[in-house]
Amino acid sequence: MAASAILLSVVVLAPLGTRAEELAHPKTTGYPAAEDVPPRPEKPAMTADEQLKLKKELSATRDRQAPGGKARGGAARAQPKKPTTPAQ
C-alpha cells in the first residue's frame, strides 16, 4: 500500500515539475524590449538643404491646388445649392 501511495504521488506531481520548467522560460512576444533601441544612423535621412527644398516644393504644390490661389485658411467653402421647385 505504501508503494502505491508513493507511485501515485510521483504520477500526480510529475506534470507539475514539467510545468514549472516551462513557466521558467520567458515567452517571446515578437516585439523588441523597450530598452532595445537601434543605433543612430551615421548620417541624417535629409540634410537641411534638402529639407528646405522639399518644404518649398510642398508649399508651391499646395498653392497650386488651393482654390483662388489662397493656401491657408482663406479658402472659400463651396456653398450648397438651394433646392429648386419643379416647373409646373
PDB file of N, CA and C in Angstrom:
ATOM      1  N   MET A   1       0.813  -1.175   0.000  1.00  0.00           N
ATOM      2  CA  MET A   1       0.000   0.000   0.000  1.00  0.00           C
ATOM      3  C   MET A   1       0.874   1.262   0.000  1.00  0.00           C
ATOM      4  N   ALA A   2       1.958   1.247   0.721  1.00  0.00           N
ATOM      5  CA  ALA A   2       2.864   2.385   0.767  1.00  0.00           C
ATOM      6  C   ALA A   2       3.481   2.619  -0.606  1.00  0.00           C
ATOM      7  N   ALA A   3       3.775   1.550  -1.310  1.00  0.00           N
ATOM      8  CA  ALA A   3       4.359   1.666  -2.652  1.00  0.00           C
ATOM      9  C   ALA A   3       3.350   2.294  -3.602  1.00  0.00           C
ATOM     10  N   SER A   4       2.088   1.942  -3.424  1.00  0.00           N
ATOM     11  CA  SER A   4       1.035   2.525  -4.269  1.00  0.00           C
ATOM     12  C   SER A   4       0.910   4.023  -4.006  1.00  0.00           C
ATOM     13  N   ALA A   5       1.006   4.432  -2.773  1.00  0.00           N
ATOM     14  CA  ALA A   5       0.903   5.850  -2.425  1.00  0.00           C
ATOM     15  C   ALA A   5       2.085   6.622  -3.000  1.00  0.00           C
ATOM     16  N   ILE A   6       3.285   6.065  -2.933  1.00  0.00           N
ATOM     17  CA  ILE A   6       4.464   6.741  -3.488  1.00  0.00           C
ATOM     18  C   ILE A   6       4.344   6.840  -4.995  1.00  0.00           C
ATOM     19  N   LEU A   7       3.936   5.756  -5.626  1.00  0.00           N
ATOM     20  CA  LEU A   7       3.778   5.752  -7.077  1.00  0.00           C
ATOM     21  C   LEU A   7       2.712   6.760  -7.499  1.00  0.00           C
ATOM     22  N   LEU A   8       1.623   6.810  -6.778  1.00  0.00           N
ATOM     23  CA  LEU A   8       0.553   7.756  -7.083  1.00  0.00           C
ATOM     24  C   LEU A   8       1.036   9.195  -6.920  1.00  0.00           C
ATOM     25  N   SER A   9       1.793   9.490  -5.884  1.00  0.00           N
ATOM     26  CA  SER A   9       2.283  10.850  -5.670  1.00  0.00           C
ATOM     27  C   SER A   9       3.280  11.251  -6.754  1.00  0.00           C
ATOM     28  N   VAL A  10       4.081  10.316  -7.239  1.00  0.00           N
ATOM     29  CA  VAL A  10       5.037  10.608  -8.310  1.00  0.00           C
ATOM     30  C   VAL A  10       4.282  10.906  -9.598  1.00  0.00           C
ATOM     31  N   VAL A  11       3.268  10.139  -9.894  1.00  0.00           N
ATOM     32  CA  VAL A  11       2.489  10.334 -11.114  1.00  0.00           C
ATOM     33  C   VAL A  11       1.745  11.670 -11.066  1.00  0.00           C
ATOM     34  N   VAL A  12       1.216  12.037  -9.925  1.00  0.00           N
ATOM     35  CA  VAL A  12       0.455  13.276  -9.785  1.00  0.00           C
ATOM     36  C   VAL A  12       1.391  14.487  -9.809  1.00  0.00           C
ATOM     37  N   LEU A  13       2.528  14.422  -9.171  1.00  0.00           N
ATOM     38  CA  LEU A  13       3.429  15.556  -9.069  1.00  0.00           C
ATOM     39  C   LEU A  13       4.362  15.710 -10.274  1.00  0.00           C
ATOM     40  N   ALA A  14       4.521  14.702 -11.098  1.00  0.00           N
ATOM     41  CA  ALA A  14       5.427  14.776 -12.245  1.00  0.00           C
ATOM     42  C   ALA A  14       5.009  15.864 -13.236  1.00  0.00           C
ATOM     43  N   PRO A  15       3.747  15.988 -13.589  1.00  0.00           N
ATOM     44  CA  PRO A  15       3.384  17.059 -14.521  1.00  0.00           C
ATOM     45  C   PRO A  15       3.623  18.457 -13.951  1.00  0.00           C
ATOM     46  N   LEU A  16       3.524  18.624 -12.637  1.00  0.00           N
ATOM     47  CA  LEU A  16       3.770  19.927 -12.033  1.00  0.00           C
ATOM     48  C   LEU A  16       5.221  20.356 -12.227  1.00  0.00           C
ATOM     49  N   GLY A  17       6.140  19.414 -12.145  1.00  0.00           N
ATOM     50  CA  GLY A  17       7.552  19.729 -12.333  1.00  0.00           C
ATOM     51  C   GLY A  17       7.828  20.179 -13.757  1.00  0.00           C
ATOM     52  N   THR A  18       7.208  19.553 -14.747  1.00  0.00           N
ATOM     53  CA  THR A  18       7.444  19.964 -16.129  1.00  0.00           C
ATOM     54  C   THR A  18       6.782  21.306 -16.402  1.00  0.00           C
ATOM     55  N   ARG A  19       5.655  21.583 -15.782  1.00  0.00           N
ATOM     56  CA  ARG A  19       5.001  22.890 -15.946  1.00  0.00           C
ATOM     57  C   ARG A  19       5.871  24.001 -15.363  1.00  0.00           C
ATOM     58  N   ALA A  20       6.492  23.740 -14.237  1.00  0.00           N
ATOM     59  CA  ALA A  20       7.345  24.743 -13.615  1.00  0.00           C
ATOM     60  C   ALA A  20       8.533  25.055 -14.514  1.00  0.00           C
ATOM     61  N   GLU A  21       9.082  24.045 -15.180  1.00  0.00           N
ATOM     62  CA  GLU A  21      10.196  24.277 -16.089  1.00  0.00           C
ATOM     63  C   GLU A  21       9.740  25.094 -17.291  1.00  0.00           C
ATOM     64  N   GLU A  22       8.544  24.814 -17.786  1.00  0.00           N
ATOM     65  CA  GLU A  22       8.029  25.557 -18.931  1.00  0.00           C
ATOM     66  C   GLU A  22       7.770  27.020 -18.574  1.00  0.00           C
ATOM     67  N   LEU A  23       7.278  27.287 -17.371  1.00  0.00           N
ATOM     68  CA  LEU A  23       6.986  28.641 -16.950  1.00  0.00           C
ATOM     69  C   LEU A  23       8.256  29.442 -16.667  1.00  0.00           C
ATOM     70  N   ALA A  24       9.358  28.755 -16.396  1.00  0.00           N
ATOM     71  CA  ALA A  24      10.599  29.449 -16.094  1.00  0.00           C
ATOM     72  C   ALA A  24      11.154  30.163 -17.321  1.00  0.00           C
ATOM     73  N   HIS A  25      10.859  29.673 -18.521  1.00  0.00           N
ATOM     74  CA  HIS A  25      11.354  30.299 -19.741  1.00  0.00           C
ATOM     75  C   HIS A  25      10.453  31.471 -20.114  1.00  0.00           C
ATOM     76  N   PRO A  26      11.027  32.642 -20.358  1.00  0.00           N
ATOM     77  CA  PRO A  26      10.184  33.789 -20.735  1.00  0.00           C
ATOM     78  C   PRO A  26       9.594  33.580 -22.128  1.00  0.00           C
ATOM     79  N   LYS A  27       8.383  33.997 -22.282  1.00  0.00           N
ATOM     80  CA  LYS A  27       7.720  33.882 -23.577  1.00  0.00           C
ATOM     81  C   LYS A  27       8.182  35.032 -24.464  1.00  0.00           C
ATOM     82  N   THR A  28       8.461  34.735 -25.705  1.00  0.00           N
ATOM     83  CA  THR A  28       8.840  35.785 -26.638  1.00  0.00           C
ATOM     84  C   THR A  28       7.583  36.290 -27.324  1.00  0.00           C
ATOM     85  N   THR A  29       7.459  37.608 -27.414  1.00  0.00           N
ATOM     86  CA  THR A  29       6.266  38.201 -27.990  1.00  0.00           C
ATOM     87  C   THR A  29       6.458  38.610 -29.441  1.00  0.00           C
ATOM     88  N   GLY A  30       7.691  38.637 -29.902  1.00  0.00           N
ATOM     89  CA  GLY A  30       7.930  39.091 -31.256  1.00  0.00           C
ATOM     90  C   GLY A  30       8.224  40.576 -31.322  1.00  0.00           C
ATOM     91  N   TYR A  31       8.076  41.281 -30.224  1.00  0.00           N
ATOM     92  CA  TYR A  31       8.368  42.709 -30.155  1.00  0.00           C
ATOM     93  C   TYR A  31       9.684  42.914 -29.405  1.00  0.00           C
ATOM     94  N   PRO A  32      10.462  43.904 -29.788  1.00  0.00           N
ATOM     95  CA  PRO A  32      11.699  44.145 -29.039  1.00  0.00           C
ATOM     96  C   PRO A  32      11.395  44.724 -27.665  1.00  0.00           C
ATOM     97  N   ALA A  33      12.316  44.542 -26.766  1.00  0.00           N
ATOM     98  CA  ALA A  33      12.160  45.095 -25.427  1.00  0.00           C
ATOM     99  C   ALA A  33      12.287  46.614 -25.496  1.00  0.00           C
ATOM    100  N   ALA A  34      11.751  47.295 -24.517  1.00  0.00           N
ATOM    101  CA  ALA A  34      11.739  48.757 -24.512  1.00  0.00           C
ATOM    102  C   ALA A  34      13.146  49.346 -24.504  1.00  0.00           C
ATOM    103  N   GLU A  35      14.079  48.671 -23.873  1.00  0.00           N
ATOM    104  CA  GLU A  35      15.436  49.215 -23.807  1.00  0.00           C
ATOM    105  C   GLU A  35      16.274  48.853 -25.031  1.00  0.00           C
ATOM    106  N   ASP A  36      15.758  48.017 -25.922  1.00  0.00           N
ATOM    107  CA  ASP A  36      16.483  47.652 -27.138  1.00  0.00           C
ATOM    108  C   ASP A  36      16.188  48.665 -28.232  1.00  0.00           C
ATOM    109  N   VAL A  37      17.006  49.692 -28.329  1.00  0.00           N
ATOM    110  CA  VAL A  37      16.826  50.710 -29.355  1.00  0.00           C
ATOM    111  C   VAL A  37      17.894  50.523 -30.426  1.00  0.00           C
ATOM    112  N   PRO A  38      17.550  50.737 -31.679  1.00  0.00           N
ATOM    113  CA  PRO A  38      18.547  50.584 -32.728  1.00  0.00           C
ATOM    114  C   PRO A  38      19.577  51.708 -32.657  1.00  0.00           C
ATOM    115  N   PRO A  39      20.765  51.479 -33.172  1.00  0.00           N
ATOM    116  CA  PRO A  39      21.773  52.541 -33.136  1.00  0.00           C
ATOM    117  C   PRO A  39      21.371  53.695 -34.051  1.00  0.00           C
ATOM    118  N   ARG A  40      21.814  54.894 -33.707  1.00  0.00           N
ATOM    119  CA  ARG A  40      21.512  56.071 -34.531  1.00  0.00           C
ATOM    120  C   ARG A  40      22.264  55.963 -35.846  1.00  0.00           C
ATOM    121  N   PRO A  41      21.626  56.388 -36.942  1.00  0.00           N
ATOM    122  CA  PRO A  41      22.326  56.349 -38.220  1.00  0.00           C
ATOM    123  C   PRO A  41      23.480  57.350 -38.232  1.00  0.00           C
ATOM    124  N   GLU A  42      24.480  57.035 -39.030  1.00  0.00           N
ATOM    125  CA  GLU A  42      25.654  57.902 -39.080  1.00  0.00           C
ATOM    126  C   GLU A  42      25.349  59.226 -39.767  1.00  0.00           C
ATOM    127  N   LYS A  43      24.513  59.193 -40.787  1.00  0.00           N
ATOM    128  CA  LYS A  43      24.162  60.441 -41.457  1.00  0.00           C
ATOM    129  C   LYS A  43      22.646  60.598 -41.434  1.00  0.00           C
ATOM    130  N   PRO A  44      22.150  61.826 -41.347  1.00  0.00           N
ATOM    131  CA  PRO A  44      20.704  62.034 -41.276  1.00  0.00           C
ATOM    132  C   PRO A  44      20.026  61.645 -42.589  1.00  0.00           C
ATOM    133  N   ALA A  45      18.739  61.394 -42.527  1.00  0.00           N
ATOM    134  CA  ALA A  45      17.992  60.997 -43.717  1.00  0.00           C
ATOM    135  C   ALA A  45      17.983  62.116 -44.743  1.00  0.00           C
ATOM    136  N   MET A  46      17.867  63.365 -44.291  1.00  0.00           N
ATOM    137  CA  MET A  46      17.860  64.515 -45.191  1.00  0.00           C
ATOM    138  C   MET A  46      18.721  65.620 -44.587  1.00  0.00           C
ATOM    139  N   THR A  47      19.437  66.311 -45.451  1.00  0.00           N
ATOM    140  CA  THR A  47      20.216  67.448 -44.988  1.00  0.00           C
ATOM    141  C   THR A  47      19.289  68.651 -44.842  1.00  0.00           C
ATOM    142  N   ALA A  48      19.786  69.712 -44.244  1.00  0.00           N
ATOM    143  CA  ALA A  48      18.973  70.916 -44.060  1.00  0.00           C
ATOM    144  C   ALA A  48      18.593  71.516 -45.412  1.00  0.00           C
ATOM    145  N   ASP A  49      19.500  71.470 -46.379  1.00  0.00           N
ATOM    146  CA  ASP A  49      19.198  71.997 -47.716  1.00  0.00           C
ATOM    147  C   ASP A  49      18.096  71.180 -48.389  1.00  0.00           C
ATOM    148  N   GLU A  50      18.150  69.853 -48.238  1.00  0.00           N
ATOM    149  CA  GLU A  50      17.122  69.001 -48.833  1.00  0.00           C
ATOM    150  C   GLU A  50      15.763  69.249 -48.183  1.00  0.00           C
ATOM    151  N   GLN A  51      15.756  69.454 -46.864  1.00  0.00           N
ATOM    152  CA  GLN A  51      14.501  69.748 -46.170  1.00  0.00           C
ATOM    153  C   GLN A  51      13.909  71.064 -46.644  1.00  0.00           C
ATOM    154  N   LEU A  52      14.730  72.092 -46.805  1.00  0.00           N
ATOM    155  CA  LEU A  52      14.259  73.394 -47.272  1.00  0.00           C
ATOM    156  C   LEU A  52      13.691  73.293 -48.684  1.00  0.00           C
ATOM    157  N   LYS A  53      14.375  72.562 -49.556  1.00  0.00           N
ATOM    158  CA  LYS A  53      13.912  72.378 -50.931  1.00  0.00           C
ATOM    159  C   LYS A  53      12.557  71.664 -50.943  1.00  0.00           C
ATOM    160  N   LEU A  54      12.418  70.630 -50.127  1.00  0.00           N
ATOM    161  CA  LEU A  54      11.169  69.882 -50.064  1.00  0.00           C
ATOM    162  C   LEU A  54      10.027  70.744 -49.537  1.00  0.00           C
ATOM    163  N   LYS A  55      10.293  71.571 -48.524  1.00  0.00           N
ATOM    164  CA  LYS A  55       9.257  72.462 -47.985  1.00  0.00           C
ATOM    165  C   LYS A  55       8.783  73.454 -49.046  1.00  0.00           C
ATOM    166  N   LYS A  56       9.729  73.988 -49.820  1.00  0.00           N
ATOM    167  CA  LYS A  56       9.351  74.920 -50.887  1.00  0.00           C
ATOM    168  C   LYS A  56       8.505  74.225 -51.950  1.00  0.00           C
ATOM    169  N   GLU A  57       8.884  72.998 -52.315  1.00  0.00           N
ATOM    170  CA  GLU A  57       8.109  72.256 -53.315  1.00  0.00           C
ATOM    171  C   GLU A  57       6.703  71.957 -52.811  1.00  0.00           C
ATOM    172  N   LEU A  58       6.602  71.566 -51.544  1.00  0.00           N
ATOM    173  CA  LEU A  58       5.282  71.269 -50.981  1.00  0.00           C
ATOM    174  C   LEU A  58       4.415  72.516 -50.903  1.00  0.00           C
ATOM    175  N   SER A  59       5.008  73.644 -50.530  1.00  0.00           N
ATOM    176  CA  SER A  59       4.257  74.904 -50.461  1.00  0.00           C
ATOM    177  C   SER A  59       3.767  75.312 -51.843  1.00  0.00           C
ATOM    178  N   ALA A  60       4.620  75.162 -52.853  1.00  0.00           N
ATOM    179  CA  ALA A  60       4.228  75.523 -54.213  1.00  0.00           C
ATOM    180  C   ALA A  60       3.102  74.619 -54.706  1.00  0.00           C
ATOM    181  N   THR A  61       3.173  73.347 -54.399  1.00  0.00           N
ATOM    182  CA  THR A  61       2.115  72.415 -54.806  1.00  0.00           C
ATOM    183  C   THR A  61       0.811  72.752 -54.100  1.00  0.00           C
ATOM    184  N   ARG A  62       0.873  73.051 -52.812  1.00  0.00           N
ATOM    185  CA  ARG A  62      -0.318  73.420 -52.058  1.00  0.00           C
ATOM    186  C   ARG A  62      -0.946  74.683 -52.637  1.00  0.00           C
ATOM    187  N   ASP A  63      -0.125  75.669 -52.974  1.00  0.00           N
ATOM    188  CA  ASP A  63      -0.641  76.919 -53.533  1.00  0.00           C
ATOM    189  C   ASP A  63      -1.299  76.699 -54.890  1.00  0.00           C
ATOM    190  N   ARG A  64      -0.756  75.787 -55.682  1.00  0.00           N
ATOM    191  CA  ARG A  64      -1.360  75.497 -56.988  1.00  0.00           C
ATOM    192  C   ARG A  64      -2.712  74.808 -56.835  1.00  0.00           C
ATOM    193  N   GLN A  65      -2.859  73.973 -55.835  1.00  0.00           N
ATOM    194  CA  GLN A  65      -4.091  73.198 -55.666  1.00  0.00           C
ATOM    195  C   GLN A  65      -5.174  73.958 -54.927  1.00  0.00           C
ATOM    196  N   ALA A  66      -4.836  74.970 -54.181  1.00  0.00           N
ATOM    197  CA  ALA A  66      -5.824  75.715 -53.403  1.00  0.00           C
ATOM    198  C   ALA A  66      -6.695  76.541 -54.349  1.00  0.00           C
ATOM    199  N   PRO A  67      -8.009  76.584 -54.112  1.00  0.00           N
ATOM    200  CA  PRO A  67      -8.889  77.369 -54.982  1.00  0.00           C
ATOM    201  C   PRO A  67      -8.612  78.860 -54.834  1.00  0.00           C
ATOM    202  N   GLY A  68      -8.513  79.555 -55.940  1.00  0.00           N
ATOM    203  CA  GLY A  68      -8.309  81.001 -55.919  1.00  0.00           C
ATOM    204  C   GLY A  68      -6.912  81.400 -55.476  1.00  0.00           C
ATOM    205  N   GLY A  69      -5.990  80.458 -55.392  1.00  0.00           N
ATOM    206  CA  GLY A  69      -4.629  80.779 -55.008  1.00  0.00           C
ATOM    207  C   GLY A  69      -4.450  80.996 -53.521  1.00  0.00           C
ATOM    208  N   LYS A  70      -5.495  80.835 -52.728  1.00  0.00           N
ATOM    209  CA  LYS A  70      -5.385  81.000 -51.278  1.00  0.00           C
ATOM    210  C   LYS A  70      -5.017  79.645 -50.672  1.00  0.00           C
ATOM    211  N   ALA A  71      -3.936  79.625 -49.975  1.00  0.00           N
ATOM    212  CA  ALA A  71      -3.445  78.355 -49.479  1.00  0.00           C
ATOM    213  C   ALA A  71      -3.871  78.065 -48.052  1.00  0.00           C
ATOM    214  N   ARG A  72      -3.916  79.072 -47.208  1.00  0.00           N
ATOM    215  CA  ARG A  72      -4.135  78.792 -45.782  1.00  0.00           C
ATOM    216  C   ARG A  72      -5.406  79.438 -45.277  1.00  0.00           C
ATOM    217  N   GLY A  73      -6.305  78.643 -44.795  1.00  0.00           N
ATOM    218  CA  GLY A  73      -7.466  79.119 -44.068  1.00  0.00           C
ATOM    219  C   GLY A  73      -8.398  80.042 -44.820  1.00  0.00           C
ATOM    220  N   GLY A  74      -7.953  80.732 -45.829  1.00  0.00           N
ATOM    221  CA  GLY A  74      -8.787  81.685 -46.528  1.00  0.00           C
ATOM    222  C   GLY A  74      -9.554  81.064 -47.673  1.00  0.00           C
ATOM    223  N   ALA A  75      -9.388  79.783 -47.878  1.00  0.00           N
ATOM    224  CA  ALA A  75     -10.080  79.127 -48.989  1.00  0.00           C
ATOM    225  C   ALA A  75     -11.581  79.122 -48.701  1.00  0.00           C
ATOM    226  N   ALA A  76     -12.347  79.571 -49.674  1.00  0.00           N
ATOM    227  CA  ALA A  76     -13.795  79.642 -49.503  1.00  0.00           C
ATOM    228  C   ALA A  76     -14.389  78.250 -49.653  1.00  0.00           C
ATOM    229  N   ARG A  77     -15.386  77.979 -48.839  1.00  0.00           N
ATOM    230  CA  ARG A  77     -16.084  76.705 -48.942  1.00  0.00           C
ATOM    231  C   ARG A  77     -17.117  76.791 -50.053  1.00  0.00           C
ATOM    232  N   ALA A  78     -17.370  75.658 -50.655  1.00  0.00           N
ATOM    233  CA  ALA A  78     -18.413  75.620 -51.680  1.00  0.00           C
ATOM    234  C   ALA A  78     -19.763  75.770 -51.000  1.00  0.00           C
ATOM    235  N   GLN A  79     -20.575  76.675 -51.507  1.00  0.00           N
ATOM    236  CA  GLN A  79     -21.886  76.915 -50.935  1.00  0.00           C
ATOM    237  C   GLN A  79     -22.878  75.889 -51.488  1.00  0.00           C
ATOM    238  N   PRO A  80     -23.729  75.313 -50.631  1.00  0.00           N
ATOM    239  CA  PRO A  80     -24.711  74.348 -51.135  1.00  0.00           C
ATOM    240  C   PRO A  80     -25.774  75.063 -51.974  1.00  0.00           C
ATOM    241  N   LYS A  81     -26.226  74.353 -52.977  1.00  0.00           N
ATOM    242  CA  LYS A  81     -27.258  74.925 -53.846  1.00  0.00           C
ATOM    243  C   LYS A  81     -28.619  74.806 -53.164  1.00  0.00           C
ATOM    244  N   LYS A  82     -29.446  75.810 -53.397  1.00  0.00           N
ATOM    245  CA  LYS A  82     -30.788  75.776 -52.851  1.00  0.00           C
ATOM    246  C   LYS A  82     -31.635  74.873 -53.754  1.00  0.00           C
ATOM    247  N   PRO A  83     -32.521  74.092 -53.151  1.00  0.00           N
ATOM    248  CA  PRO A  83     -33.364  73.213 -53.975  1.00  0.00           C
ATOM    249  C   PRO A  83     -34.315  74.063 -54.844  1.00  0.00           C
ATOM    250  N   THR A  84     -34.469  73.614 -56.035  1.00  0.00           N
ATOM    251  CA  THR A  84     -35.371  74.307 -56.949  1.00  0.00           C
ATOM    252  C   THR A  84     -36.698  73.570 -57.005  1.00  0.00           C
ATOM    253  N   THR A  85     -37.761  74.315 -57.189  1.00  0.00           N
ATOM    254  CA  THR A  85     -39.064  73.686 -57.297  1.00  0.00           C
ATOM    255  C   THR A  85     -39.291  73.290 -58.743  1.00  0.00           C
ATOM    256  N   PRO A  86     -39.899  72.150 -58.978  1.00  0.00           N
ATOM    257  CA  PRO A  86     -40.119  71.714 -60.353  1.00  0.00           C
ATOM    258  C   PRO A  86     -41.100  72.658 -61.085  1.00  0.00           C
ATOM    259  N   ALA A  87     -40.852  72.844 -62.349  1.00  0.00           N
ATOM    260  CA  ALA A  87     -41.732  73.727 -63.162  1.00  0.00           C
ATOM    261  C   ALA A  87     -43.067  73.045 -63.359  1.00  0.00           C
ATOM    262  N   GLN A  88     -44.145  73.824 -63.276  1.00  0.00           N
ATOM    263  CA  GLN A  88     -45.484  73.240 -63.427  1.00  0.00           C
ATOM    264  C   GLN A  88     -46.060  73.510 -64.769  1.00  0.00           C
TER     265      GLN A  88
END
